[in-house]
Amino acid sequence: MRHDHDAGGGHTSSRRTFIRASSMGMTAAALAAAGAASAAAHPTTAVQQARAQGRPLAVTPACDGHETPAATEGPLFKPESPERGNVVTPGISGVRLDLSGVVYDTACAPVTGALIEFWQCDQNGDYDTSGFALRGHQYTDNRGAFRLQTIIPRDYWGRWGNRAPHIHTQVQAPGGPVLITQLYFPDGTQAYGRNFAALNAQDRLRNSACTITLSAPQDGRYTGAFDFVIKTTV
């Protein structure tokens, strides 16, 4: 069953105990950022360019200090998702994606223990509203890194028109404000026989600054990179 996916709803701080200021009992994800080499990708930050070119990264690379652009949360966020880095559950097929990156503050320092929530639709353009397929949260490790194993989502038709494939995220430093945004895919992405360039062009909610850097597909799988820059104080 398809759902009317998008609405202009904003974040309500009380709907999830989302600000975990003390982070007691928090288990940091011991996951490292994976490299991404691409000829067809479109890097948007210096660190993504380094990954795409296969160059080593400094612990704190140069950055412009601008926060990752925010976006609407939409109506389908679910609180209390499982803590996990792999959100592909039984019954989910689709083009696999291994996404990694680093969360930085506006001074370009990695943020340890940042909480990242991911949720998205499946290969048919449907969100799981009864369970937690393709939903999960994790914490950045001591280098500010995260890794997500998922699939490339399908486009779908909602109240905002035809939505390009995207992944919803909420990112938060311990005790800091929540950044709500959506991640998109390069025009040359190949999945489900869809024209990503056309889908991206007609999606009026899409922000090209939030485009994932993708490697060329290998064995039908993609490797991607995206780095977040967030504020750490309210």
C-alpha atoms as a PDB file:
ATOM      1  CA  MET A   1       0.000   0.000   0.000  1.00  0.00           C
ATOM      2  CA  ARG A   2       1.280   3.429  -0.907  1.00  0.00           C
ATOM      3  CA  HIS A   3       1.107   6.327   1.480  1.00  0.00           C
ATOM      4  CA  ASP A   4       0.870  10.066   0.883  1.00  0.00           C
ATOM      5  CA  HIS A   5       4.392  10.518   2.146  1.00  0.00           C
ATOM      6  CA  ASP A   6       5.216  14.190   2.437  1.00  0.00           C
ATOM      7  CA  ALA A   7       3.820  16.969   4.527  1.00  0.00           C
ATOM      8  CA  GLY A   8       5.291  20.170   5.806  1.00  0.00           C
ATOM      9  CA  GLY A   9       5.415  19.021   9.428  1.00  0.00           C
ATOM     10  CA  GLY A  10       8.377  20.175  11.511  1.00  0.00           C
ATOM     11  CA  HIS A  11      10.287  18.524  14.339  1.00  0.00           C
ATOM     12  CA  THR A  12       8.544  18.277  17.696  1.00  0.00           C
ATOM     13  CA  SER A  13      11.098  17.988  20.433  1.00  0.00           C
ATOM     14  CA  SER A  14       8.810  16.088  22.789  1.00  0.00           C
ATOM     15  CA  ARG A  15       7.858  13.310  20.366  1.00  0.00           C
ATOM     16  CA  ARG A  16      11.153  11.515  20.923  1.00  0.00           C
ATOM     17  CA  THR A  17      13.544  11.801  23.810  1.00  0.00           C
ATOM     18  CA  PHE A  18      15.892  12.829  21.104  1.00  0.00           C
ATOM     19  CA  ILE A  19      18.242  15.133  22.982  1.00  0.00           C
ATOM     20  CA  ARG A  20      20.371  12.711  24.926  1.00  0.00           C
ATOM     21  CA  ALA A  21      22.424  15.318  26.704  1.00  0.00           C
ATOM     22  CA  SER A  22      24.119  13.063  29.197  1.00  0.00           C
ATOM     23  CA  SER A  23      24.510  10.135  26.758  1.00  0.00           C
ATOM     24  CA  MET A  24      24.803   7.753  29.746  1.00  0.00           C
ATOM     25  CA  GLY A  25      24.791   4.178  28.580  1.00  0.00           C
ATOM     26  CA  MET A  26      25.393   5.285  25.043  1.00  0.00           C
ATOM     27  CA  THR A  27      27.233   2.785  22.886  1.00  0.00           C
ATOM     28  CA  ALA A  28      29.363   4.508  20.279  1.00  0.00           C
ATOM     29  CA  ALA A  29      29.318   2.753  16.930  1.00  0.00           C
ATOM     30  CA  ALA A  30      32.769   1.374  16.227  1.00  0.00           C
ATOM     31  CA  LEU A  31      32.483   2.014  12.539  1.00  0.00           C
ATOM     32  CA  ALA A  32      34.986   3.669  10.245  1.00  0.00           C
ATOM     33  CA  ALA A  33      34.278   5.775   7.184  1.00  0.00           C
ATOM     34  CA  ALA A  34      34.648   3.828   3.940  1.00  0.00           C
ATOM     35  CA  GLY A  35      36.380   5.238   0.884  1.00  0.00           C
ATOM     36  CA  ALA A  36      34.524   6.201  -2.266  1.00  0.00           C
ATOM     37  CA  ALA A  37      36.115   6.430  -5.718  1.00  0.00           C
ATOM     38  CA  SER A  38      34.030   7.902  -8.464  1.00  0.00           C
ATOM     39  CA  ALA A  39      34.187   9.346 -11.911  1.00  0.00           C
ATOM     40  CA  ALA A  40      30.459   9.971 -12.048  1.00  0.00           C
ATOM     41  CA  ALA A  41      30.041  11.387  -8.531  1.00  0.00           C
ATOM     42  CA  HIS A  42      29.668  15.057  -7.684  1.00  0.00           C
ATOM     43  CA  PRO A  43      31.616  15.815  -4.467  1.00  0.00           C
ATOM     44  CA  THR A  44      30.231  18.727  -2.493  1.00  0.00           C
ATOM     45  CA  THR A  45      32.862  19.145   0.242  1.00  0.00           C
ATOM     46  CA  ALA A  46      36.630  18.982   0.395  1.00  0.00           C
ATOM     47  CA  VAL A  47      36.469  15.756   2.358  1.00  0.00           C
ATOM     48  CA  GLN A  48      34.150  14.142  -0.202  1.00  0.00           C
ATOM     49  CA  GLN A  49      36.479  15.221  -3.005  1.00  0.00           C
ATOM     50  CA  ALA A  50      39.365  13.565  -1.171  1.00  0.00           C
ATOM     51  CA  ARG A  51      37.397  10.334  -0.822  1.00  0.00           C
ATOM     52  CA  ALA A  52      36.339  10.387  -4.471  1.00  0.00           C
ATOM     53  CA  GLN A  53      39.973  10.816  -5.537  1.00  0.00           C
ATOM     54  CA  GLY A  54      41.256   8.166  -3.144  1.00  0.00           C
ATOM     55  CA  ARG A  55      43.378  10.637  -1.160  1.00  0.00           C
ATOM     56  CA  PRO A  56      43.953  10.140   2.576  1.00  0.00           C
ATOM     57  CA  LEU A  57      42.020  12.385   4.933  1.00  0.00           C
ATOM     58  CA  ALA A  58      43.313  14.436   7.810  1.00  0.00           C
ATOM     59  CA  VAL A  59      41.565  13.990  11.151  1.00  0.00           C
ATOM     60  CA  THR A  60      40.220  17.521  10.864  1.00  0.00           C
ATOM     61  CA  PRO A  61      40.148  18.569   7.208  1.00  0.00           C
ATOM     62  CA  ALA A  62      39.547  22.082   6.010  1.00  0.00           C
ATOM     63  CA  CYS A  63      35.882  23.087   5.719  1.00  0.00           C
ATOM     64  CA  ASP A  64      33.871  26.240   5.294  1.00  0.00           C
ATOM     65  CA  GLY A  65      32.075  25.900   8.626  1.00  0.00           C
ATOM     66  CA  HIS A  66      28.590  26.144   7.153  1.00  0.00           C
ATOM     67  CA  GLU A  67      25.952  23.872   8.666  1.00  0.00           C
ATOM     68  CA  THR A  68      24.467  21.189   6.423  1.00  0.00           C
ATOM     69  CA  PRO A  69      21.211  22.606   4.986  1.00  0.00           C
ATOM     70  CA  ALA A  70      18.069  21.621   6.853  1.00  0.00           C
ATOM     71  CA  ALA A  71      14.912  20.197   5.270  1.00  0.00           C
ATOM     72  CA  THR A  72      11.380  19.282   6.275  1.00  0.00           C
ATOM     73  CA  GLU A  73      11.044  16.192   8.426  1.00  0.00           C
ATOM     74  CA  GLY A  74       7.804  15.010   6.823  1.00  0.00           C
ATOM     75  CA  PRO A  75       5.110  12.966   8.603  1.00  0.00           C
ATOM     76  CA  LEU A  76       6.705   9.503   8.722  1.00  0.00           C
ATOM     77  CA  PHE A  77       9.407   9.749  11.365  1.00  0.00           C
ATOM     78  CA  LYS A  78       9.002   7.028  14.031  1.00  0.00           C
ATOM     79  CA  PRO A  79      10.569   7.340  17.499  1.00  0.00           C
ATOM     80  CA  GLU A  80      12.447   4.547  19.248  1.00  0.00           C
ATOM     81  CA  SER A  81      14.026   3.022  16.163  1.00  0.00           C
ATOM     82  CA  PRO A  82      16.574   0.217  16.732  1.00  0.00           C
ATOM     83  CA  GLU A  83      20.203   1.147  17.294  1.00  0.00           C
ATOM     84  CA  ARG A  84      21.935  -0.425  14.282  1.00  0.00           C
ATOM     85  CA  GLY A  85      24.112   0.348  11.294  1.00  0.00           C
ATOM     86  CA  ASN A  86      22.427  -2.141   8.953  1.00  0.00           C
ATOM     87  CA  VAL A  87      18.781  -1.240   8.301  1.00  0.00           C
ATOM     88  CA  VAL A  88      18.162  -3.861   5.588  1.00  0.00           C
ATOM     89  CA  THR A  89      15.699  -6.334   7.071  1.00  0.00           C
ATOM     90  CA  PRO A  90      14.206  -9.541   5.572  1.00  0.00           C
ATOM     91  CA  GLY A  91      11.895  -8.768   2.674  1.00  0.00           C
ATOM     92  CA  ILE A  92      13.880  -5.718   1.582  1.00  0.00           C
ATOM     93  CA  SER A  93      15.492  -6.027  -1.823  1.00  0.00           C
ATOM     94  CA  GLY A  94      16.790  -3.244  -4.024  1.00  0.00           C
ATOM     95  CA  VAL A  95      20.151  -1.790  -4.964  1.00  0.00           C
ATOM     96  CA  ARG A  96      22.476  -1.978  -1.973  1.00  0.00           C
ATOM     97  CA  LEU A  97      24.230   1.116  -0.642  1.00  0.00           C
ATOM     98  CA  ASP A  98      27.079   1.335   1.850  1.00  0.00           C
ATOM     99  CA  LEU A  99      27.085   4.958   3.049  1.00  0.00           C
ATOM    100  CA  SER A 100      29.747   6.403   5.317  1.00  0.00           C
ATOM    101  CA  GLY A 101      30.881   9.799   6.482  1.00  0.00           C
ATOM    102  CA  VAL A 102      31.894  12.023   9.351  1.00  0.00           C
ATOM    103  CA  VAL A 103      29.924  14.445  11.514  1.00  0.00           C
ATOM    104  CA  TYR A 104      31.763  17.741  12.075  1.00  0.00           C
ATOM    105  CA  ASP A 105      30.982  20.807  14.110  1.00  0.00           C
ATOM    106  CA  THR A 106      31.109  24.255  12.538  1.00  0.00           C
ATOM    107  CA  ALA A 107      34.781  24.541  13.530  1.00  0.00           C
ATOM    108  CA  CYS A 108      35.452  21.396  11.455  1.00  0.00           C
ATOM    109  CA  ALA A 109      36.217  19.195  14.456  1.00  0.00           C
ATOM    110  CA  PRO A 110      34.778  15.638  14.410  1.00  0.00           C
ATOM    111  CA  VAL A 111      31.835  15.147  16.782  1.00  0.00           C
ATOM    112  CA  THR A 112      32.128  12.024  18.920  1.00  0.00           C
ATOM    113  CA  GLY A 113      28.893  10.388  20.048  1.00  0.00           C
ATOM    114  CA  ALA A 114      26.645  12.298  17.656  1.00  0.00           C
ATOM    115  CA  LEU A 115      23.230  10.671  17.295  1.00  0.00           C
ATOM    116  CA  ILE A 116      22.146  10.000  13.696  1.00  0.00           C
ATOM    117  CA  GLU A 117      18.672   8.770  12.801  1.00  0.00           C
ATOM    118  CA  PHE A 118      17.988   7.364   9.326  1.00  0.00           C
ATOM    119  CA  TRP A 119      14.680   6.442   7.697  1.00  0.00           C
ATOM    120  CA  GLN A 120      13.647   5.963   4.073  1.00  0.00           C
ATOM    121  CA  CYS A 121      11.281   4.208   1.690  1.00  0.00           C
ATOM    122  CA  ASP A 122      11.984   0.859   0.042  1.00  0.00           C
ATOM    123  CA  GLN A 123      12.555  -0.328  -3.527  1.00  0.00           C
ATOM    124  CA  ASN A 124       8.832   0.197  -4.243  1.00  0.00           C
ATOM    125  CA  GLY A 125       8.597   3.731  -2.874  1.00  0.00           C
ATOM    126  CA  ASP A 126       6.863   2.655   0.351  1.00  0.00           C
ATOM    127  CA  TYR A 127       7.760   3.435   3.962  1.00  0.00           C
ATOM    128  CA  ASP A 128       7.373   0.834   6.694  1.00  0.00           C
ATOM    129  CA  THR A 129       4.860   2.441   9.066  1.00  0.00           C
ATOM    130  CA  SER A 130       4.120  -0.690  11.100  1.00  0.00           C
ATOM    131  CA  GLY A 131       7.699  -1.777  11.833  1.00  0.00           C
ATOM    132  CA  PHE A 132      11.253  -0.520  11.480  1.00  0.00           C
ATOM    133  CA  ALA A 133      12.419  -1.741   8.078  1.00  0.00           C
ATOM    134  CA  LEU A 134      14.928   0.766   6.661  1.00  0.00           C
ATOM    135  CA  ARG A 135      14.867   2.686   9.941  1.00  0.00           C
ATOM    136  CA  GLY A 136      17.538   2.923  12.602  1.00  0.00           C
ATOM    137  CA  HIS A 137      19.824   5.129  14.642  1.00  0.00           C
ATOM    138  CA  GLN A 138      23.490   5.021  15.563  1.00  0.00           C
ATOM    139  CA  TYR A 139      26.231   7.077  17.213  1.00  0.00           C
ATOM    140  CA  THR A 140      29.434   8.363  15.677  1.00  0.00           C
ATOM    141  CA  ASP A 141      32.695   6.809  16.872  1.00  0.00           C
ATOM    142  CA  ASN A 142      35.668   8.606  18.396  1.00  0.00           C
ATOM    143  CA  ARG A 143      36.589   9.985  14.958  1.00  0.00           C
ATOM    144  CA  GLY A 144      33.092  11.307  14.330  1.00  0.00           C
ATOM    145  CA  ALA A 145      32.504   8.571  11.751  1.00  0.00           C
ATOM    146  CA  PHE A 146      29.387   6.596  10.893  1.00  0.00           C
ATOM    147  CA  ARG A 147      28.496   3.830   8.462  1.00  0.00           C
ATOM    148  CA  LEU A 148      25.050   2.891   7.156  1.00  0.00           C
ATOM    149  CA  GLN A 149      24.197  -0.261   5.230  1.00  0.00           C
ATOM    150  CA  THR A 150      20.955   0.269   3.333  1.00  0.00           C
ATOM    151  CA  ILE A 151      19.479   0.374  -0.171  1.00  0.00           C
ATOM    152  CA  ILE A 152      18.939   3.161  -2.651  1.00  0.00           C
ATOM    153  CA  PRO A 153      15.307   4.211  -2.158  1.00  0.00           C
ATOM    154  CA  ARG A 154      12.780   4.515  -4.976  1.00  0.00           C
ATOM    155  CA  ASP A 155      11.038   7.729  -5.998  1.00  0.00           C
ATOM    156  CA  TYR A 156       7.340   8.098  -5.156  1.00  0.00           C
ATOM    157  CA  TRP A 157       4.350  10.364  -5.631  1.00  0.00           C
ATOM    158  CA  GLY A 158       3.222  12.389  -2.598  1.00  0.00           C
ATOM    159  CA  ARG A 159       1.408  15.593  -1.830  1.00  0.00           C
ATOM    160  CA  TRP A 160       4.514  17.552  -2.840  1.00  0.00           C
ATOM    161  CA  GLY A 161       4.569  15.907  -6.254  1.00  0.00           C
ATOM    162  CA  ASN A 162       6.990  13.265  -7.459  1.00  0.00           C
ATOM    163  CA  ARG A 163       9.746  12.983  -4.850  1.00  0.00           C
ATOM    164  CA  ALA A 164      13.240  12.102  -6.002  1.00  0.00           C
ATOM    165  CA  PRO A 165      14.913   9.221  -4.116  1.00  0.00           C
ATOM    166  CA  HIS A 166      16.123  10.480  -0.742  1.00  0.00           C
ATOM    167  CA  ILE A 167      17.109   9.378   2.761  1.00  0.00           C
ATOM    168  CA  HIS A 168      15.750  11.236   5.794  1.00  0.00           C
ATOM    169  CA  THR A 169      18.176  12.022   8.591  1.00  0.00           C
ATOM    170  CA  GLN A 170      18.268  13.691  11.986  1.00  0.00           C
ATOM    171  CA  VAL A 171      21.716  14.485  13.379  1.00  0.00           C
ATOM    172  CA  GLN A 172      22.520  15.778  16.853  1.00  0.00           C
ATOM    173  CA  ALA A 173      25.594  16.346  18.995  1.00  0.00           C
ATOM    174  CA  PRO A 174      25.114  15.369  22.661  1.00  0.00           C
ATOM    175  CA  GLY A 175      23.004  18.146  24.171  1.00  0.00           C
ATOM    176  CA  GLY A 176      22.945  20.105  20.909  1.00  0.00           C
ATOM    177  CA  PRO A 177      20.160  21.101  18.519  1.00  0.00           C
ATOM    178  CA  VAL A 178      18.748  18.594  16.043  1.00  0.00           C
ATOM    179  CA  LEU A 179      19.576  18.990  12.353  1.00  0.00           C
ATOM    180  CA  ILE A 180      16.811  17.555  10.160  1.00  0.00           C
ATOM    181  CA  THR A 181      17.682  17.059   6.516  1.00  0.00           C
ATOM    182  CA  GLN A 182      17.339  14.776   3.483  1.00  0.00           C
ATOM    183  CA  LEU A 183      20.111  13.190   1.406  1.00  0.00           C
ATOM    184  CA  TYR A 184      19.823  12.845  -2.386  1.00  0.00           C
ATOM    185  CA  PHE A 185      21.562  10.951  -5.179  1.00  0.00           C
ATOM    186  CA  PRO A 186      23.624  12.071  -8.215  1.00  0.00           C
ATOM    187  CA  ASP A 187      21.902  12.381 -11.590  1.00  0.00           C
ATOM    188  CA  GLY A 188      23.838   9.415 -12.964  1.00  0.00           C
ATOM    189  CA  THR A 189      22.661   6.941 -10.303  1.00  0.00           C
ATOM    190  CA  GLN A 190      21.354   3.707 -11.839  1.00  0.00           C
ATOM    191  CA  ALA A 191      18.575   1.917  -9.971  1.00  0.00           C
ATOM    192  CA  TYR A 192      15.165   0.465 -10.776  1.00  0.00           C
ATOM    193  CA  GLY A 193      15.285   1.760 -14.344  1.00  0.00           C
ATOM    194  CA  ARG A 194      14.564   5.274 -13.106  1.00  0.00           C
ATOM    195  CA  ASN A 195      15.878   8.520 -14.585  1.00  0.00           C
ATOM    196  CA  PHE A 196      17.507  10.136 -11.542  1.00  0.00           C
ATOM    197  CA  ALA A 197      18.390  13.315 -13.437  1.00  0.00           C
ATOM    198  CA  ALA A 198      14.748  13.924 -14.366  1.00  0.00           C
ATOM    199  CA  LEU A 199      13.526  12.985 -10.895  1.00  0.00           C
ATOM    200  CA  ASN A 200      16.024  15.333  -9.246  1.00  0.00           C
ATOM    201  CA  ALA A 201      15.134  18.190 -11.592  1.00  0.00           C
ATOM    202  CA  GLN A 202      11.414  18.087 -10.840  1.00  0.00           C
ATOM    203  CA  ASP A 203      11.613  17.654  -7.060  1.00  0.00           C
ATOM    204  CA  ARG A 204      11.061  21.136  -5.621  1.00  0.00           C
ATOM    205  CA  LEU A 205      12.150  20.057  -2.133  1.00  0.00           C
ATOM    206  CA  ARG A 206      15.543  18.774  -3.260  1.00  0.00           C
ATOM    207  CA  ASN A 207      18.675  20.639  -2.168  1.00  0.00           C
ATOM    208  CA  SER A 208      21.646  19.750  -4.382  1.00  0.00           C
ATOM    209  CA  ALA A 209      24.033  20.611  -1.521  1.00  0.00           C
ATOM    210  CA  CYS A 210      22.769  17.431   0.167  1.00  0.00           C
ATOM    211  CA  THR A 211      23.819  15.097  -2.648  1.00  0.00           C
ATOM    212  CA  ILE A 212      25.603  11.906  -1.648  1.00  0.00           C
ATOM    213  CA  THR A 213      28.929  11.225  -3.360  1.00  0.00           C
ATOM    214  CA  LEU A 214      28.681   7.826  -5.060  1.00  0.00           C
ATOM    215  CA  SER A 215      31.292   5.495  -6.443  1.00  0.00           C
ATOM    216  CA  ALA A 216      30.673   3.688  -9.697  1.00  0.00           C
ATOM    217  CA  PRO A 217      28.528   0.600  -8.963  1.00  0.00           C
ATOM    218  CA  GLN A 218      30.326  -2.703  -8.461  1.00  0.00           C
ATOM    219  CA  ASP A 219      28.355  -5.945  -8.722  1.00  0.00           C
ATOM    220  CA  GLY A 220      25.130  -3.949  -8.513  1.00  0.00           C
ATOM    221  CA  ARG A 221      26.157  -2.227  -5.245  1.00  0.00           C
ATOM    222  CA  TYR A 222      27.071   1.378  -4.524  1.00  0.00           C
ATOM    223  CA  THR A 223      29.481   2.932  -2.036  1.00  0.00           C
ATOM    224  CA  GLY A 224      28.626   6.468  -0.973  1.00  0.00           C
ATOM    225  CA  ALA A 225      29.915   9.246   1.269  1.00  0.00           C
ATOM    226  CA  PHE A 226      28.332  12.232   2.942  1.00  0.00           C
ATOM    227  CA  ASP A 227      29.681  14.428   5.746  1.00  0.00           C
ATOM    228  CA  PHE A 228      27.444  16.435   8.052  1.00  0.00           C
ATOM    229  CA  VAL A 229      28.318  19.782   9.627  1.00  0.00           C
ATOM    230  CA  ILE A 230      26.182  20.571  12.667  1.00  0.00           C
ATOM    231  CA  LYS A 231      25.901  23.055  15.500  1.00  0.00           C
ATOM    232  CA  THR A 232      26.778  21.665  18.913  1.00  0.00           C
ATOM    233  CA  THR A 233      25.142  24.301  21.108  1.00  0.00           C
ATOM    234  CA  VAL A 234      21.571  25.584  21.136  1.00  0.00           C
END
